[in-house]
Amino acid sequence: METDTVHWPSLTQTEKKAQLFIKQKRLLDTFLQNGAISRAQYDKSLHDLREKMGIDKSMEREDI
């Protein structure tokens, strides 16, 4: 499910949370790819994001 084409009102809370996570992770990925943050900063930020949103690595996938 692509976050840009999602019809937010029709999503469940779980689906909204998953889409928000994907969007934030993509932003972190972009920062890392462009050298705006270090690998250590990326790893910590991603860990914190997963923790705050209750996402574990097994749930993390692009097609949620």
N, C-alpha and C. Protein backbone atom coordinates (compact mmCIF):
# COMPACT_ATOMS: atom_id res chain seq x y z
N MET A 1 0.85 -1.18 0.00
CA MET A 1 0.00 0.00 0.00
C MET A 1 0.90 1.24 0.00
N GLU A 2 0.75 2.07 -0.97
CA GLU A 2 1.57 3.26 -1.12
C GLU A 2 0.97 4.40 -0.29
N THR A 3 1.80 5.03 0.57
CA THR A 3 1.28 6.05 1.47
C THR A 3 0.71 7.26 0.74
N ASP A 4 1.19 7.55 -0.47
CA ASP A 4 0.70 8.72 -1.20
C ASP A 4 -0.69 8.51 -1.77
N THR A 5 -1.11 7.27 -1.95
CA THR A 5 -2.40 6.99 -2.56
C THR A 5 -3.40 6.39 -1.57
N VAL A 6 -3.08 6.41 -0.32
CA VAL A 6 -3.94 5.81 0.71
C VAL A 6 -5.12 6.72 1.00
N HIS A 7 -6.30 6.13 1.11
CA HIS A 7 -7.49 6.87 1.51
C HIS A 7 -7.62 6.73 3.03
N TRP A 8 -7.02 7.67 3.74
CA TRP A 8 -6.86 7.59 5.19
C TRP A 8 -8.15 7.32 5.97
N PRO A 9 -9.27 7.96 5.63
CA PRO A 9 -10.49 7.72 6.42
C PRO A 9 -10.96 6.27 6.41
N SER A 10 -10.60 5.53 5.38
CA SER A 10 -11.06 4.14 5.29
C SER A 10 -10.14 3.15 6.00
N LEU A 11 -9.00 3.61 6.52
CA LEU A 11 -8.05 2.72 7.17
C LEU A 11 -8.39 2.48 8.64
N THR A 12 -8.02 1.30 9.13
CA THR A 12 -8.15 1.03 10.56
C THR A 12 -7.01 1.75 11.28
N GLN A 13 -7.10 1.83 12.59
CA GLN A 13 -6.03 2.46 13.38
C GLN A 13 -4.70 1.73 13.16
N THR A 14 -4.74 0.40 13.09
CA THR A 14 -3.53 -0.39 12.87
C THR A 14 -2.92 -0.08 11.51
N GLU A 15 -3.75 0.03 10.50
CA GLU A 15 -3.26 0.35 9.15
C GLU A 15 -2.68 1.76 9.10
N LYS A 16 -3.33 2.70 9.78
CA LYS A 16 -2.80 4.07 9.84
C LYS A 16 -1.44 4.10 10.52
N LYS A 17 -1.32 3.35 11.62
CA LYS A 17 -0.05 3.30 12.33
C LYS A 17 1.05 2.71 11.44
N ALA A 18 0.72 1.66 10.71
CA ALA A 18 1.69 1.04 9.81
C ALA A 18 2.11 2.00 8.71
N GLN A 19 1.16 2.73 8.14
CA GLN A 19 1.48 3.69 7.09
C GLN A 19 2.35 4.84 7.61
N LEU A 20 2.04 5.30 8.81
CA LEU A 20 2.86 6.34 9.43
C LEU A 20 4.29 5.86 9.66
N PHE A 21 4.41 4.63 10.13
CA PHE A 21 5.74 4.05 10.34
C PHE A 21 6.52 4.00 9.03
N ILE A 22 5.89 3.52 7.98
CA ILE A 22 6.56 3.42 6.67
C ILE A 22 7.02 4.79 6.21
N LYS A 23 6.15 5.78 6.35
CA LYS A 23 6.49 7.15 5.91
C LYS A 23 7.69 7.69 6.70
N GLN A 24 7.69 7.49 8.00
CA GLN A 24 8.79 7.99 8.83
C GLN A 24 10.08 7.22 8.55
N LYS A 25 9.98 5.91 8.32
CA LYS A 25 11.17 5.12 8.02
C LYS A 25 11.77 5.55 6.68
N ARG A 26 10.93 5.82 5.71
CA ARG A 26 11.42 6.30 4.41
C ARG A 26 12.16 7.62 4.55
N LEU A 27 11.66 8.49 5.42
CA LEU A 27 12.33 9.75 5.66
C LEU A 27 13.71 9.52 6.28
N LEU A 28 13.77 8.63 7.27
CA LEU A 28 15.07 8.28 7.86
C LEU A 28 16.01 7.69 6.80
N ASP A 29 15.47 6.81 5.94
CA ASP A 29 16.28 6.22 4.86
C ASP A 29 16.87 7.31 3.97
N THR A 30 16.04 8.30 3.63
CA THR A 30 16.50 9.41 2.78
C THR A 30 17.60 10.21 3.47
N PHE A 31 17.42 10.50 4.75
CA PHE A 31 18.45 11.22 5.51
C PHE A 31 19.77 10.46 5.48
N LEU A 32 19.71 9.16 5.69
CA LEU A 32 20.92 8.34 5.70
C LEU A 32 21.57 8.33 4.32
N GLN A 33 20.78 8.12 3.29
CA GLN A 33 21.31 8.06 1.92
C GLN A 33 21.97 9.36 1.49
N ASN A 34 21.46 10.47 1.99
CA ASN A 34 22.00 11.78 1.61
C ASN A 34 23.07 12.30 2.58
N GLY A 35 23.43 11.47 3.54
CA GLY A 35 24.49 11.85 4.47
C GLY A 35 24.08 12.87 5.51
N ALA A 36 22.78 13.07 5.68
CA ALA A 36 22.31 14.05 6.66
C ALA A 36 22.44 13.52 8.09
N ILE A 37 22.45 12.18 8.24
CA ILE A 37 22.65 11.55 9.54
C ILE A 37 23.62 10.38 9.39
N SER A 38 24.27 10.04 10.47
CA SER A 38 25.21 8.92 10.45
C SER A 38 24.44 7.60 10.60
N ARG A 39 25.12 6.50 10.37
CA ARG A 39 24.51 5.18 10.55
C ARG A 39 24.07 5.00 12.01
N ALA A 40 24.90 5.48 12.95
CA ALA A 40 24.55 5.35 14.37
C ALA A 40 23.28 6.14 14.69
N GLN A 41 23.16 7.35 14.13
CA GLN A 41 21.95 8.15 14.34
C GLN A 41 20.73 7.47 13.72
N TYR A 42 20.92 6.91 12.54
CA TYR A 42 19.84 6.20 11.85
C TYR A 42 19.37 5.01 12.69
N ASP A 43 20.32 4.20 13.12
CA ASP A 43 19.98 3.01 13.90
C ASP A 43 19.23 3.37 15.18
N LYS A 44 19.70 4.41 15.87
CA LYS A 44 19.03 4.82 17.11
C LYS A 44 17.64 5.37 16.82
N SER A 45 17.54 6.21 15.80
CA SER A 45 16.23 6.78 15.46
C SER A 45 15.24 5.71 15.03
N LEU A 46 15.70 4.74 14.25
CA LEU A 46 14.82 3.67 13.82
C LEU A 46 14.40 2.80 15.00
N HIS A 47 15.33 2.53 15.89
CA HIS A 47 15.01 1.77 17.09
C HIS A 47 13.96 2.51 17.92
N ASP A 48 14.18 3.80 18.13
CA ASP A 48 13.23 4.61 18.91
C ASP A 48 11.86 4.66 18.24
N LEU A 49 11.84 4.80 16.91
CA LEU A 49 10.59 4.83 16.17
C LEU A 49 9.82 3.52 16.34
N ARG A 50 10.53 2.40 16.17
CA ARG A 50 9.88 1.09 16.36
C ARG A 50 9.31 0.96 17.76
N GLU A 51 10.11 1.36 18.74
CA GLU A 51 9.70 1.24 20.14
C GLU A 51 8.46 2.08 20.43
N LYS A 52 8.47 3.33 20.00
CA LYS A 52 7.35 4.24 20.27
C LYS A 52 6.07 3.82 19.57
N MET A 53 6.22 3.22 18.38
CA MET A 53 5.04 2.83 17.61
C MET A 53 4.64 1.38 17.85
N GLY A 54 5.43 0.66 18.63
CA GLY A 54 5.10 -0.72 18.91
C GLY A 54 5.27 -1.64 17.71
N ILE A 55 6.24 -1.33 16.87
CA ILE A 55 6.51 -2.12 15.67
C ILE A 55 7.76 -2.96 15.93
N ASP A 56 7.66 -4.28 15.75
CA ASP A 56 8.88 -5.07 15.85
C ASP A 56 9.36 -5.40 14.45
N LYS A 57 10.59 -5.85 14.35
CA LYS A 57 11.20 -6.08 13.04
C LYS A 57 10.40 -7.05 12.18
N SER A 58 9.74 -8.02 12.80
CA SER A 58 8.98 -8.99 12.02
C SER A 58 7.75 -8.36 11.36
N MET A 59 7.26 -7.26 11.92
CA MET A 59 6.09 -6.57 11.36
C MET A 59 6.49 -5.56 10.29
N GLU A 60 7.76 -5.24 10.22
CA GLU A 60 8.23 -4.18 9.35
C GLU A 60 8.38 -4.70 7.92
N ARG A 61 7.48 -4.20 7.08
CA ARG A 61 7.56 -4.51 5.68
C ARG A 61 6.80 -3.44 4.92
N GLU A 62 7.15 -3.25 3.68
CA GLU A 62 6.59 -2.15 2.88
C GLU A 62 5.13 -2.38 2.49
N ASP A 63 4.65 -3.61 2.46
CA ASP A 63 3.32 -3.87 1.91
C ASP A 63 2.25 -4.02 2.98
N ILE A 64 2.45 -3.44 4.16
CA ILE A 64 1.47 -3.54 5.24
C ILE A 64 0.21 -2.81 4.81
